[in-house]
Structure formats: C-alpha cells, structure tokens
Amino acid sequence: MARDLSDLVDTKRGQLLRGLDKQADSGWVLLDFEDVLVHLFSADQRDYYNLEELWEEGKVVLKLQ
C-alpha cells in the first residue's frame, strides 16, 4: 500500500516521497510527502494506538477502510 500510494502521488502531483519508514514489520509505516504525513497501521497497531479516539474532535479529511 505504501509503495502504491507513493507511486500515485509521484504520478499525479510530481511530488517525490521525502521519506519512507520501511518498518512495515512493526505494523506502522510513515510516508513523508513534505506537506502531508501519511500513517499506515496494521489492525493491531490501529487498535493499540486508537488515534480516532485521541483526535475525535479533529476534522476528518479522508477515511479509508
């Protein structure tokens, strides 16, 4: 998913990925597109950190499931 997203952003916006945390085995991958950070979590990590509850008052820009 991280590679596909990086390729899509590069193709559509011409913006190269600035950094990619390649620790997919940890269940958490961070993609740094300079103006936007994307966090990809495994189901276990998502349940553990429960960011939806932490940021429940924040504005949802995009939600994928």
Protein backbone atom coordinates (compact mmCIF):
# COMPACT_ATOMS: atom_id res chain seq x y z
CA MET A 1 0.00 0.00 0.00
CA ALA A 2 2.84 2.40 0.85
CA ARG A 3 4.57 1.86 -2.49
CA ASP A 4 1.32 2.23 -4.44
CA LEU A 5 0.49 5.48 -2.64
CA SER A 6 3.99 6.81 -3.24
CA ASP A 7 3.78 5.96 -6.95
CA LEU A 8 0.33 7.58 -7.23
CA VAL A 9 1.45 10.82 -5.59
CA ASP A 10 4.55 10.92 -7.79
CA THR A 11 2.47 10.34 -10.94
CA LYS A 12 -0.41 12.69 -10.13
CA ARG A 13 1.43 15.51 -8.39
CA GLY A 14 5.05 15.05 -9.40
CA GLN A 15 5.91 15.06 -5.70
CA LEU A 16 8.50 12.55 -4.66
CA LEU A 17 8.32 10.80 -1.35
CA ARG A 18 10.72 12.53 1.03
CA GLY A 19 10.97 9.67 3.44
CA LEU A 20 9.62 6.19 3.94
CA ASP A 21 9.87 4.37 7.21
CA LYS A 22 10.42 0.85 5.94
CA GLN A 23 9.50 -0.78 9.21
CA ALA A 24 6.39 -2.48 7.82
CA ASP A 25 7.05 -5.44 10.09
CA SER A 26 6.32 -3.15 13.04
CA GLY A 27 2.79 -2.64 11.72
CA TRP A 28 3.26 1.11 11.28
CA VAL A 29 4.61 2.77 8.13
CA LEU A 30 5.10 6.53 7.87
CA LEU A 31 5.17 8.27 4.48
CA ASP A 32 6.52 11.84 4.42
CA PHE A 33 5.31 13.90 1.44
CA GLU A 34 6.63 17.17 2.92
CA ASP A 35 3.24 18.90 3.30
CA VAL A 36 1.38 15.72 4.25
CA LEU A 37 2.31 12.81 6.50
CA VAL A 38 0.55 9.50 5.95
CA HIS A 39 0.46 6.85 8.65
CA LEU A 40 -0.44 3.30 7.65
CA PHE A 41 -1.26 1.00 10.55
CA SER A 42 -1.89 -2.72 10.81
CA ALA A 43 -5.18 -3.60 12.52
CA ASP A 44 -3.34 -4.46 15.75
CA GLN A 45 -1.42 -1.19 15.83
CA ARG A 46 -4.54 0.79 14.98
CA ASP A 47 -6.39 -0.80 17.91
CA TYR A 48 -3.43 -0.25 20.25
CA TYR A 49 -2.93 3.47 19.49
CA ASN A 50 -6.65 4.23 18.98
CA LEU A 51 -5.90 7.56 17.30
CA GLU A 52 -9.53 8.03 16.29
CA GLU A 53 -10.44 8.49 19.95
CA LEU A 54 -7.40 10.64 20.68
CA TRP A 55 -8.24 13.00 17.82
CA GLU A 56 -12.04 12.62 17.86
CA GLU A 57 -12.55 16.39 17.77
CA GLY A 58 -10.28 16.83 14.75
CA LYS A 59 -11.58 17.35 11.22
CA VAL A 60 -11.70 14.15 9.13
CA VAL A 61 -10.23 14.87 5.70
CA LEU A 62 -10.34 11.33 4.30
CA LYS A 63 -11.19 7.98 5.86
CA LEU A 64 -10.44 4.68 4.15
CA GLN A 65 -11.38 1.26 5.42
